[in-house]
Amino acid sequence: MANCIECGADMPAEAKFCSSCGAQAGMKKDVYQVSAEGLVGKVKEVINDARVKRIIIKDDKGKVLLSIPVTWGAAGTVAVLALAPWLAALGVIAGIVTKCTVEVEKTD
């Protein structure tokens, strides 16, 4: 038996998704506390890991400000043009918050 990373519910070892909340099994979550100045840099840093599937930006109260799905192409790289709008949005978020949380979901 394994536990869900989102809700903590017990899941059978062969399950692909949690039956309670629908979260994908086999994912790991890293959480980083960053200042507004370090937000874009941290996202650029974690996006280089091929195991990353989603980046979630939350404010200091835990409200989700931005959820970025990360899709890797056949060449093993993230399309930079596809990330440009997300990086622009991060710049706006950095201008209105002082601290935020970066949650990185990645495969084991």
Protein backbone atom coordinates (compact mmCIF):
# COMPACT_ATOMS: atom_id res chain seq x y z
CA MET A 1 0.00 0.00 0.00
CA ALA A 2 1.15 3.50 -0.81
CA ASN A 3 -0.17 6.86 0.33
CA CYS A 4 -1.41 9.64 -1.94
CA ILE A 5 0.85 12.73 -1.99
CA GLU A 6 -2.20 15.04 -2.09
CA CYS A 7 -4.70 13.66 0.41
CA GLY A 8 -2.77 10.92 2.24
CA ALA A 9 -5.32 8.20 1.43
CA ASP A 10 -4.18 4.59 1.14
CA MET A 11 -3.76 3.41 -2.46
CA PRO A 12 -3.09 -0.08 -3.82
CA ALA A 13 0.46 -0.48 -5.13
CA GLU A 14 -0.74 -0.96 -8.74
CA ALA A 15 -3.05 2.11 -8.73
CA LYS A 16 -2.32 4.82 -11.30
CA PHE A 17 -4.56 7.44 -9.65
CA CYS A 18 -5.88 8.08 -6.14
CA SER A 19 -9.50 6.98 -5.78
CA SER A 20 -10.14 9.75 -3.23
CA CYS A 21 -8.77 12.87 -4.92
CA GLY A 22 -7.68 11.77 -8.41
CA ALA A 23 -4.00 12.64 -7.99
CA GLN A 24 -1.58 10.68 -10.17
CA ALA A 25 0.28 7.90 -8.36
CA GLY A 26 4.06 7.74 -8.49
CA MET A 27 4.50 11.49 -8.23
CA LYS A 28 6.78 13.27 -5.80
CA LYS A 29 6.25 16.84 -4.62
CA ASP A 30 9.04 19.27 -3.76
CA VAL A 31 8.09 22.53 -2.05
CA TYR A 32 10.23 25.68 -2.10
CA GLN A 33 9.62 28.98 -0.28
CA VAL A 34 10.95 31.83 -2.41
CA SER A 35 10.87 35.60 -2.42
CA ALA A 36 9.38 37.54 -5.31
CA GLU A 37 12.85 38.31 -6.66
CA GLY A 38 13.80 34.63 -6.78
CA LEU A 39 10.56 33.31 -8.28
CA VAL A 40 11.45 33.36 -11.98
CA GLY A 41 14.96 32.06 -11.28
CA LYS A 42 13.65 29.14 -9.23
CA VAL A 43 11.15 28.16 -11.92
CA LYS A 44 13.86 28.29 -14.58
CA GLU A 45 16.05 26.13 -12.33
CA VAL A 46 13.49 23.38 -11.69
CA ILE A 47 12.19 23.29 -15.25
CA ASN A 48 15.49 21.80 -16.43
CA ASP A 49 14.67 18.52 -14.66
CA ALA A 50 13.10 16.09 -17.15
CA ARG A 51 11.02 14.49 -14.37
CA VAL A 52 9.03 17.69 -13.71
CA LYS A 53 5.37 17.43 -14.77
CA ARG A 54 3.74 20.48 -13.15
CA ILE A 55 4.82 23.64 -11.32
CA ILE A 56 2.31 25.28 -8.98
CA ILE A 57 2.83 28.81 -7.66
CA LYS A 58 0.96 29.74 -4.44
CA ASP A 59 0.84 32.97 -2.47
CA ASP A 60 1.74 33.18 1.22
CA LYS A 61 -1.84 32.23 2.19
CA GLY A 62 -1.78 29.04 0.08
CA LYS A 63 -3.97 30.29 -2.76
CA VAL A 64 -2.95 28.91 -6.17
CA LEU A 65 -1.82 31.79 -8.40
CA LEU A 66 -0.51 29.80 -11.36
CA SER A 67 -0.30 26.16 -12.38
CA ILE A 68 2.13 25.40 -15.19
CA PRO A 69 1.98 22.01 -16.94
CA VAL A 70 5.41 21.00 -18.21
CA THR A 71 5.47 18.95 -21.39
CA TRP A 72 8.71 17.51 -22.68
CA GLY A 73 9.08 17.07 -26.42
CA ALA A 74 10.52 14.13 -28.33
CA ALA A 75 13.93 15.80 -28.37
CA GLY A 76 13.98 15.82 -24.56
CA THR A 77 13.64 19.58 -24.20
CA VAL A 78 10.90 21.92 -23.12
CA ALA A 79 9.75 24.20 -25.91
CA VAL A 80 11.01 27.63 -24.87
CA LEU A 81 8.39 29.42 -26.96
CA ALA A 82 5.64 27.57 -25.10
CA LEU A 83 7.08 28.76 -21.78
CA ALA A 84 7.34 32.45 -22.70
CA PRO A 85 3.76 33.34 -21.66
CA TRP A 86 4.20 31.48 -18.37
CA LEU A 87 7.42 33.34 -17.60
CA ALA A 88 5.69 36.65 -18.35
CA ALA A 89 2.91 35.70 -15.92
CA LEU A 90 5.53 34.86 -13.30
CA GLY A 91 6.96 38.34 -13.70
CA VAL A 92 3.54 39.85 -12.98
CA ILE A 93 3.05 37.60 -9.96
CA ALA A 94 6.49 38.56 -8.64
CA GLY A 95 5.39 42.19 -8.82
CA ILE A 96 2.35 41.70 -6.57
CA VAL A 97 3.51 39.19 -3.94
CA THR A 98 6.39 39.31 -1.50
CA LYS A 99 6.71 35.59 -0.73
CA CYS A 100 5.37 32.58 -2.52
CA THR A 101 5.55 28.82 -2.55
CA VAL A 102 6.71 26.85 -5.57
CA GLU A 103 5.41 23.27 -5.60
CA VAL A 104 7.06 21.00 -8.14
CA GLU A 105 5.37 17.72 -9.06
CA LYS A 106 7.71 15.18 -10.65
CA THR A 107 7.85 11.49 -11.34
CA ASP A 108 9.93 9.24 -9.11
